Amino acid sequence: MPSPDTPSSPPPATSTGSSTSPSISPSISTVGLLAAPTRLSARLADEAHPDARRAFDLAREIFVAGGRIDMGGMATTLGVDRTSVFRWVGNRDALLTEVLWSLAVPTLGQADRATADLDGAERVAALLTHFATDLIAADYFRDFLRREPARALRLLTTKASPIQRRYTATAERLVRTHLGDTPFDGAIDPPTLAYLLVRVSESFTYADLIAGDEPSPAAARTAFRHLLRVA
């Protein structure tokens, strides 16, 4: 999740299912949060909670710098007690979830823009490959995976955390936008295809944690293209 730029949140785009390769950046910015909101995501979207925003911005800065987010250390930096930080942003997992997703959104947006000259299944495959490649190449993200592998897998690859649900919702919007509501003449429905694409992405991006193999953008690309029937 290499982009440290704070993502914008324009209204979601309407899915057309056309073959004109529409830009779907607005949907990428919002569809995940709409699918799996949290107390903290709501507070961050509400300007009435500046303390939550201040704590979140500090946590994001620490994470991008390659550091470990520590609630006690954050409290000291912010000049408050730990109880205040927990009241503002919830527990550490809740905070990490929003930090990770805030970095995923602009990275997905970069992938969307980089593949704007493609359409259909080829665009979906290329966009997801671009996203996986950027994750694999991001040093501070890999540092987090190595530092806290069990927590990382729990937050990133299970339905217990909002991140996988958000990624799956985003993948489903990609499928509906570029393949329509009945992909491959109805051979598979969009939610199922989206979930399979997410699991492929996870398998190759976190291969070192899951199976002890090297993460491989090339293998991810091959798998995406095979699943999406791209020649």
C-alpha atoms as a PDB file:
ATOM      1  CA  MET A   1       0.000   0.000   0.000  1.00  0.00           C
ATOM      2  CA  PRO A   2       2.703   2.345  -1.066  1.00  0.00           C
ATOM      3  CA  SER A   3       0.949   5.635  -1.687  1.00  0.00           C
ATOM      4  CA  PRO A   4       1.024   7.908   1.383  1.00  0.00           C
ATOM      5  CA  ASP A   5      -1.248  10.490  -0.250  1.00  0.00           C
ATOM      6  CA  THR A   6      -4.520  10.989   1.563  1.00  0.00           C
ATOM      7  CA  PRO A   7      -7.285   9.750  -0.742  1.00  0.00           C
ATOM      8  CA  SER A   8     -10.193  11.929  -1.712  1.00  0.00           C
ATOM      9  CA  SER A   9     -13.747  10.674  -1.343  1.00  0.00           C
ATOM     10  CA  PRO A  10     -15.935  11.833  -4.247  1.00  0.00           C
ATOM     11  CA  PRO A  11     -19.376  10.301  -4.757  1.00  0.00           C
ATOM     12  CA  PRO A  12     -19.401   6.755  -6.120  1.00  0.00           C
ATOM     13  CA  ALA A  13     -19.596   6.426  -9.884  1.00  0.00           C
ATOM     14  CA  THR A  14     -22.465   4.622 -11.538  1.00  0.00           C
ATOM     15  CA  SER A  15     -21.510   1.226 -12.896  1.00  0.00           C
ATOM     16  CA  THR A  16     -22.387   1.065 -16.564  1.00  0.00           C
ATOM     17  CA  GLY A  17     -21.046  -2.329 -17.564  1.00  0.00           C
ATOM     18  CA  SER A  18     -20.026  -0.814 -20.912  1.00  0.00           C
ATOM     19  CA  SER A  19     -16.908  -1.610 -22.925  1.00  0.00           C
ATOM     20  CA  THR A  20     -15.721   2.006 -23.132  1.00  0.00           C
ATOM     21  CA  SER A  21     -13.184   1.607 -20.309  1.00  0.00           C
ATOM     22  CA  PRO A  22     -14.745   4.133 -17.900  1.00  0.00           C
ATOM     23  CA  SER A  23     -12.683   5.599 -15.103  1.00  0.00           C
ATOM     24  CA  ILE A  24     -13.839   4.182 -11.786  1.00  0.00           C
ATOM     25  CA  SER A  25     -11.569   6.097  -9.401  1.00  0.00           C
ATOM     26  CA  PRO A  26     -14.534   7.626  -7.519  1.00  0.00           C
ATOM     27  CA  SER A  27     -15.884   4.137  -6.816  1.00  0.00           C
ATOM     28  CA  ILE A  28     -12.455   2.963  -5.707  1.00  0.00           C
ATOM     29  CA  SER A  29     -12.380   5.822  -3.229  1.00  0.00           C
ATOM     30  CA  THR A  30     -15.726   5.034  -1.637  1.00  0.00           C
ATOM     31  CA  VAL A  31     -17.142   1.596  -2.414  1.00  0.00           C
ATOM     32  CA  GLY A  32     -15.059  -0.234   0.180  1.00  0.00           C
ATOM     33  CA  LEU A  33     -15.957   2.109   3.015  1.00  0.00           C
ATOM     34  CA  LEU A  34     -19.615   1.950   2.058  1.00  0.00           C
ATOM     35  CA  ALA A  35     -19.482  -1.866   2.139  1.00  0.00           C
ATOM     36  CA  ALA A  36     -17.760  -2.146   5.520  1.00  0.00           C
ATOM     37  CA  PRO A  37     -17.892   1.046   7.582  1.00  0.00           C
ATOM     38  CA  THR A  38     -16.492   1.181  11.099  1.00  0.00           C
ATOM     39  CA  ARG A  39     -16.897   3.491  14.038  1.00  0.00           C
ATOM     40  CA  LEU A  40     -13.493   4.997  13.284  1.00  0.00           C
ATOM     41  CA  SER A  41     -14.131   5.421   9.551  1.00  0.00           C
ATOM     42  CA  ALA A  42     -17.335   7.294  10.434  1.00  0.00           C
ATOM     43  CA  ARG A  43     -15.495   9.518  12.897  1.00  0.00           C
ATOM     44  CA  LEU A  44     -12.782  10.276  10.339  1.00  0.00           C
ATOM     45  CA  ALA A  45     -15.411  11.292   7.794  1.00  0.00           C
ATOM     46  CA  ASP A  46     -17.085  13.553  10.354  1.00  0.00           C
ATOM     47  CA  GLU A  47     -15.346  16.894  10.912  1.00  0.00           C
ATOM     48  CA  ALA A  48     -16.839  16.946  14.411  1.00  0.00           C
ATOM     49  CA  HIS A  49     -14.060  14.607  15.626  1.00  0.00           C
ATOM     50  CA  PRO A  50     -10.752  16.460  15.111  1.00  0.00           C
ATOM     51  CA  ASP A  51      -9.004  14.492  17.868  1.00  0.00           C
ATOM     52  CA  ALA A  52      -9.706  11.217  16.049  1.00  0.00           C
ATOM     53  CA  ARG A  53      -8.291  12.737  12.861  1.00  0.00           C
ATOM     54  CA  ARG A  54      -5.218  14.004  14.708  1.00  0.00           C
ATOM     55  CA  ALA A  55      -4.489  10.581  16.208  1.00  0.00           C
ATOM     56  CA  PHE A  56      -5.139   8.823  12.893  1.00  0.00           C
ATOM     57  CA  ASP A  57      -2.820  11.191  10.988  1.00  0.00           C
ATOM     58  CA  LEU A  58      -0.050  10.546  13.520  1.00  0.00           C
ATOM     59  CA  ALA A  59      -0.525   6.763  13.258  1.00  0.00           C
ATOM     60  CA  ARG A  60      -0.417   6.942   9.457  1.00  0.00           C
ATOM     61  CA  GLU A  61       2.760   9.015   9.569  1.00  0.00           C
ATOM     62  CA  ILE A  62       4.406   6.491  11.902  1.00  0.00           C
ATOM     63  CA  PHE A  63       3.358   3.580   9.676  1.00  0.00           C
ATOM     64  CA  VAL A  64       4.584   5.164   6.438  1.00  0.00           C
ATOM     65  CA  ALA A  65       7.909   5.920   8.131  1.00  0.00           C
ATOM     66  CA  GLY A  66       8.261   2.200   8.809  1.00  0.00           C
ATOM     67  CA  GLY A  67       7.536   2.385  12.517  1.00  0.00           C
ATOM     68  CA  ARG A  68       5.297   0.354  14.788  1.00  0.00           C
ATOM     69  CA  ILE A  69       2.065   2.017  15.817  1.00  0.00           C
ATOM     70  CA  ASP A  70       2.097   2.048  19.628  1.00  0.00           C
ATOM     71  CA  MET A  71      -0.879   3.499  21.472  1.00  0.00           C
ATOM     72  CA  GLY A  72       1.167   4.534  24.500  1.00  0.00           C
ATOM     73  CA  GLY A  73       3.805   6.245  22.385  1.00  0.00           C
ATOM     74  CA  MET A  74       1.106   8.025  20.410  1.00  0.00           C
ATOM     75  CA  ALA A  75      -0.515   9.237  23.624  1.00  0.00           C
ATOM     76  CA  THR A  76       2.802  10.711  24.746  1.00  0.00           C
ATOM     77  CA  THR A  77       3.337  12.446  21.404  1.00  0.00           C
ATOM     78  CA  LEU A  78      -0.198  13.827  21.445  1.00  0.00           C
ATOM     79  CA  GLY A  79       0.142  14.969  25.063  1.00  0.00           C
ATOM     80  CA  VAL A  80      -2.777  12.931  26.370  1.00  0.00           C
ATOM     81  CA  ASP A  81      -3.315   9.688  28.258  1.00  0.00           C
ATOM     82  CA  ARG A  82      -3.830   6.286  26.609  1.00  0.00           C
ATOM     83  CA  THR A  83      -7.500   6.288  27.549  1.00  0.00           C
ATOM     84  CA  SER A  84      -8.069   9.356  25.393  1.00  0.00           C
ATOM     85  CA  VAL A  85      -6.410   7.756  22.373  1.00  0.00           C
ATOM     86  CA  PHE A  86      -8.529   4.617  22.736  1.00  0.00           C
ATOM     87  CA  ARG A  87     -11.651   6.738  23.102  1.00  0.00           C
ATOM     88  CA  TRP A  88     -10.808   8.673  19.931  1.00  0.00           C
ATOM     89  CA  VAL A  89      -9.797   5.824  17.605  1.00  0.00           C
ATOM     90  CA  GLY A  90     -10.712   2.539  19.255  1.00  0.00           C
ATOM     91  CA  ASN A  91      -8.221  -0.260  19.814  1.00  0.00           C
ATOM     92  CA  ARG A  92      -4.989  -0.822  17.906  1.00  0.00           C
ATOM     93  CA  ASP A  93      -6.551  -3.213  15.380  1.00  0.00           C
ATOM     94  CA  ALA A  94      -9.252  -0.671  14.563  1.00  0.00           C
ATOM     95  CA  LEU A  95      -6.637   2.008  14.016  1.00  0.00           C
ATOM     96  CA  LEU A  96      -4.384  -0.234  11.912  1.00  0.00           C
ATOM     97  CA  THR A  97      -7.357  -1.237   9.782  1.00  0.00           C
ATOM     98  CA  GLU A  98      -8.090   2.351   8.810  1.00  0.00           C
ATOM     99  CA  VAL A  99      -4.422   3.200   8.273  1.00  0.00           C
ATOM    100  CA  LEU A 100      -3.981   0.208   5.964  1.00  0.00           C
ATOM    101  CA  TRP A 101      -7.122   0.969   3.987  1.00  0.00           C
ATOM    102  CA  SER A 102      -6.214   4.659   3.689  1.00  0.00           C
ATOM    103  CA  LEU A 103      -3.054   3.537   1.905  1.00  0.00           C
ATOM    104  CA  ALA A 104      -4.805   0.911  -0.220  1.00  0.00           C
ATOM    105  CA  VAL A 105      -7.272   3.389  -1.722  1.00  0.00           C
ATOM    106  CA  PRO A 106      -4.786   5.703  -3.480  1.00  0.00           C
ATOM    107  CA  THR A 107      -2.761   2.673  -4.539  1.00  0.00           C
ATOM    108  CA  LEU A 108      -5.862   1.235  -6.211  1.00  0.00           C
ATOM    109  CA  GLY A 109      -6.429   4.649  -7.772  1.00  0.00           C
ATOM    110  CA  GLN A 110      -2.906   4.626  -9.204  1.00  0.00           C
ATOM    111  CA  ALA A 111      -3.538   1.191 -10.676  1.00  0.00           C
ATOM    112  CA  ASP A 112      -6.807   2.421 -12.169  1.00  0.00           C
ATOM    113  CA  ARG A 113      -5.099   5.354 -13.877  1.00  0.00           C
ATOM    114  CA  ALA A 114      -2.189   3.231 -15.074  1.00  0.00           C
ATOM    115  CA  THR A 115      -4.547   0.843 -16.863  1.00  0.00           C
ATOM    116  CA  ALA A 116      -6.953   3.414 -18.304  1.00  0.00           C
ATOM    117  CA  ASP A 117      -6.036   2.483 -21.897  1.00  0.00           C
ATOM    118  CA  LEU A 118      -7.397  -1.055 -21.409  1.00  0.00           C
ATOM    119  CA  ASP A 119     -10.924  -2.366 -21.106  1.00  0.00           C
ATOM    120  CA  GLY A 120     -12.923  -5.429 -20.150  1.00  0.00           C
ATOM    121  CA  ALA A 121     -11.316  -8.395 -18.438  1.00  0.00           C
ATOM    122  CA  GLU A 122      -7.864  -7.274 -19.541  1.00  0.00           C
ATOM    123  CA  ARG A 123      -8.224  -4.057 -17.589  1.00  0.00           C
ATOM    124  CA  VAL A 124      -9.389  -5.842 -14.444  1.00  0.00           C
ATOM    125  CA  ALA A 125      -6.444  -8.263 -14.651  1.00  0.00           C
ATOM    126  CA  ALA A 126      -3.940  -5.487 -15.293  1.00  0.00           C
ATOM    127  CA  LEU A 127      -5.318  -3.242 -12.545  1.00  0.00           C
ATOM    128  CA  LEU A 128      -5.206  -5.970  -9.912  1.00  0.00           C
ATOM    129  CA  THR A 129      -1.720  -6.992 -11.044  1.00  0.00           C
ATOM    130  CA  HIS A 130      -0.554  -3.391 -10.735  1.00  0.00           C
ATOM    131  CA  PHE A 131      -2.022  -3.185  -7.236  1.00  0.00           C
ATOM    132  CA  ALA A 132      -0.413  -6.454  -6.116  1.00  0.00           C
ATOM    133  CA  THR A 133       2.930  -5.378  -7.595  1.00  0.00           C
ATOM    134  CA  ASP A 134       2.853  -2.103  -5.664  1.00  0.00           C
ATOM    135  CA  LEU A 135       2.043  -3.897  -2.421  1.00  0.00           C
ATOM    136  CA  ILE A 136       4.901  -6.324  -2.897  1.00  0.00           C
ATOM    137  CA  ALA A 137       7.319  -3.464  -3.637  1.00  0.00           C
ATOM    138  CA  ALA A 138       6.345  -1.231  -0.704  1.00  0.00           C
ATOM    139  CA  ASP A 139       9.137  -1.505   1.875  1.00  0.00           C
ATOM    140  CA  TYR A 140       7.185  -0.143   4.833  1.00  0.00           C
ATOM    141  CA  PHE A 141       4.291  -2.469   4.073  1.00  0.00           C
ATOM    142  CA  ARG A 142       6.611  -5.479   3.885  1.00  0.00           C
ATOM    143  CA  ASP A 143       8.192  -4.297   7.159  1.00  0.00           C
ATOM    144  CA  PHE A 144       4.758  -4.459   8.780  1.00  0.00           C
ATOM    145  CA  LEU A 145       4.168  -7.978   7.433  1.00  0.00           C
ATOM    146  CA  ARG A 146       7.520  -9.169   8.777  1.00  0.00           C
ATOM    147  CA  ARG A 147       7.098  -7.384  12.104  1.00  0.00           C
ATOM    148  CA  GLU A 148       3.554  -8.591  12.841  1.00  0.00           C
ATOM    149  CA  PRO A 149       2.760 -11.500  10.506  1.00  0.00           C
ATOM    150  CA  ALA A 150      -0.124 -12.995  12.478  1.00  0.00           C
ATOM    151  CA  ARG A 151      -1.845  -9.664  12.981  1.00  0.00           C
ATOM    152  CA  ALA A 152      -1.230  -8.680   9.362  1.00  0.00           C
ATOM    153  CA  LEU A 153      -2.859 -11.829   8.021  1.00  0.00           C
ATOM    154  CA  ARG A 154      -5.797 -11.466  10.392  1.00  0.00           C
ATOM    155  CA  LEU A 155      -6.400  -7.846   9.415  1.00  0.00           C
ATOM    156  CA  LEU A 156      -5.764  -8.263   5.694  1.00  0.00           C
ATOM    157  CA  THR A 157      -7.085 -11.685   4.724  1.00  0.00           C
ATOM    158  CA  THR A 158     -10.043 -12.601   6.937  1.00  0.00           C
ATOM    159  CA  LYS A 159     -13.660 -11.498   6.958  1.00  0.00           C
ATOM    160  CA  ALA A 160     -13.278 -10.707  10.642  1.00  0.00           C
ATOM    161  CA  SER A 161     -11.598  -7.474   9.546  1.00  0.00           C
ATOM    162  CA  PRO A 162     -13.227  -4.867   7.277  1.00  0.00           C
ATOM    163  CA  ILE A 163     -10.241  -4.779   4.897  1.00  0.00           C
ATOM    164  CA  GLN A 164     -11.018  -7.968   2.992  1.00  0.00           C
ATOM    165  CA  ARG A 165     -14.700  -7.027   2.765  1.00  0.00           C
ATOM    166  CA  ARG A 166     -13.738  -3.603   1.394  1.00  0.00           C
ATOM    167  CA  TYR A 167     -11.312  -5.079  -1.121  1.00  0.00           C
ATOM    168  CA  THR A 168     -13.907  -7.621  -2.240  1.00  0.00           C
ATOM    169  CA  ALA A 169     -16.532  -4.894  -2.676  1.00  0.00           C
ATOM    170  CA  THR A 170     -14.044  -2.886  -4.735  1.00  0.00           C
ATOM    171  CA  ALA A 171     -13.223  -5.930  -6.862  1.00  0.00           C
ATOM    172  CA  GLU A 172     -16.932  -6.529  -7.398  1.00  0.00           C
ATOM    173  CA  ARG A 173     -17.362  -2.947  -8.608  1.00  0.00           C
ATOM    174  CA  LEU A 174     -14.476  -3.536 -11.023  1.00  0.00           C
ATOM    175  CA  VAL A 175     -16.129  -6.695 -12.315  1.00  0.00           C
ATOM    176  CA  ARG A 176     -19.518  -5.041 -12.777  1.00  0.00           C
ATOM    177  CA  THR A 177     -17.980  -1.975 -14.417  1.00  0.00           C
ATOM    178  CA  HIS A 178     -15.778  -3.814 -16.896  1.00  0.00           C
ATOM    179  CA  LEU A 179     -17.504  -7.208 -17.323  1.00  0.00           C
ATOM    180  CA  GLY A 180     -21.115  -6.323 -16.600  1.00  0.00           C
ATOM    181  CA  ASP A 181     -23.569  -7.951 -14.226  1.00  0.00           C
ATOM    182  CA  THR A 182     -23.339 -11.386 -15.886  1.00  0.00           C
ATOM    183  CA  PRO A 183     -19.626 -12.063 -16.453  1.00  0.00           C
ATOM    184  CA  PHE A 184     -18.766 -14.656 -19.088  1.00  0.00           C
ATOM    185  CA  ASP A 185     -22.395 -15.033 -20.148  1.00  0.00           C
ATOM    186  CA  GLY A 186     -23.472 -15.721 -16.595  1.00  0.00           C
ATOM    187  CA  ALA A 187     -20.979 -18.514 -15.940  1.00  0.00           C
ATOM    188  CA  ILE A 188     -20.174 -16.869 -12.588  1.00  0.00           C
ATOM    189  CA  ASP A 189     -21.806 -14.090 -10.602  1.00  0.00           C
ATOM    190  CA  PRO A 190     -19.911 -10.863  -9.789  1.00  0.00           C
ATOM    191  CA  PRO A 191     -19.656 -11.398  -5.996  1.00  0.00           C
ATOM    192  CA  THR A 192     -18.149 -14.881  -6.431  1.00  0.00           C
ATOM    193  CA  LEU A 193     -15.711 -13.743  -9.117  1.00  0.00           C
ATOM    194  CA  ALA A 194     -14.698 -10.769  -6.986  1.00  0.00           C
ATOM    195  CA  TYR A 195     -14.020 -13.007  -3.984  1.00  0.00           C
ATOM    196  CA  LEU A 196     -11.902 -15.372  -6.099  1.00  0.00           C
ATOM    197  CA  LEU A 197      -9.890 -12.441  -7.453  1.00  0.00           C
ATOM    198  CA  VAL A 198      -9.252 -11.178  -3.934  1.00  0.00           C
ATOM    199  CA  ARG A 199      -8.106 -14.609  -2.757  1.00  0.00           C
ATOM    200  CA  VAL A 200      -5.741 -14.860  -5.728  1.00  0.00           C
ATOM    201  CA  SER A 201      -4.385 -11.421  -4.883  1.00  0.00           C
ATOM    202  CA  GLU A 202      -3.842 -12.401  -1.249  1.00  0.00           C
ATOM    203  CA  SER A 203      -2.235 -15.735  -2.137  1.00  0.00           C
ATOM    204  CA  PHE A 204       0.521 -14.161  -4.208  1.00  0.00           C
ATOM    205  CA  THR A 205       0.952 -10.895  -2.310  1.00  0.00           C
ATOM    206  CA  TYR A 206       1.329 -12.631   1.064  1.00  0.00           C
ATOM    207  CA  ALA A 207       2.903 -15.848  -0.238  1.00  0.00           C
ATOM    208  CA  ASP A 208       5.808 -15.514   2.184  1.00  0.00           C
ATOM    209  CA  LEU A 209       3.461 -15.506   5.178  1.00  0.00           C
ATOM    210  CA  ILE A 210       0.975 -18.068   3.872  1.00  0.00           C
ATOM    211  CA  ALA A 211       3.230 -20.660   2.260  1.00  0.00           C
ATOM    212  CA  GLY A 212       6.839 -19.552   2.790  1.00  0.00           C
ATOM    213  CA  ASP A 213       7.215 -18.641  -0.911  1.00  0.00           C
ATOM    214  CA  GLU A 214       8.391 -15.405  -2.470  1.00  0.00           C
ATOM    215  CA  PRO A 215       5.610 -12.950  -3.335  1.00  0.00           C
ATOM    216  CA  SER A 216       5.330 -12.895  -7.118  1.00  0.00           C
ATOM    217  CA  PRO A 217       3.717 -10.194  -9.281  1.00  0.00           C
ATOM    218  CA  ALA A 218       4.312 -12.389 -12.349  1.00  0.00           C
ATOM    219  CA  ALA A 219       2.481 -15.348 -10.813  1.00  0.00           C
ATOM    220  CA  ALA A 220      -0.353 -13.064  -9.725  1.00  0.00           C
ATOM    221  CA  ARG A 221      -0.640 -11.690 -13.272  1.00  0.00           C
ATOM    222  CA  THR A 222      -0.804 -15.192 -14.734  1.00  0.00           C
ATOM    223  CA  ALA A 223      -3.476 -16.247 -12.238  1.00  0.00           C
ATOM    224  CA  PHE A 224      -5.598 -13.124 -12.777  1.00  0.00           C
ATOM    225  CA  ARG A 225      -5.465 -13.497 -16.549  1.00  0.00           C
ATOM    226  CA  HIS A 226      -6.335 -17.196 -16.380  1.00  0.00           C
ATOM    227  CA  LEU A 227      -9.268 -16.605 -14.034  1.00  0.00           C
ATOM    228  CA  LEU A 228     -10.533 -13.721 -16.165  1.00  0.00           C
ATOM    229  CA  ARG A 229     -10.045 -15.633 -19.451  1.00  0.00           C
ATOM    230  CA  VAL A 230      -7.620 -13.080 -20.888  1.00  0.00           C
ATOM    231  CA  ALA A 231      -5.656 -14.581 -23.771  1.00  0.00           C
END
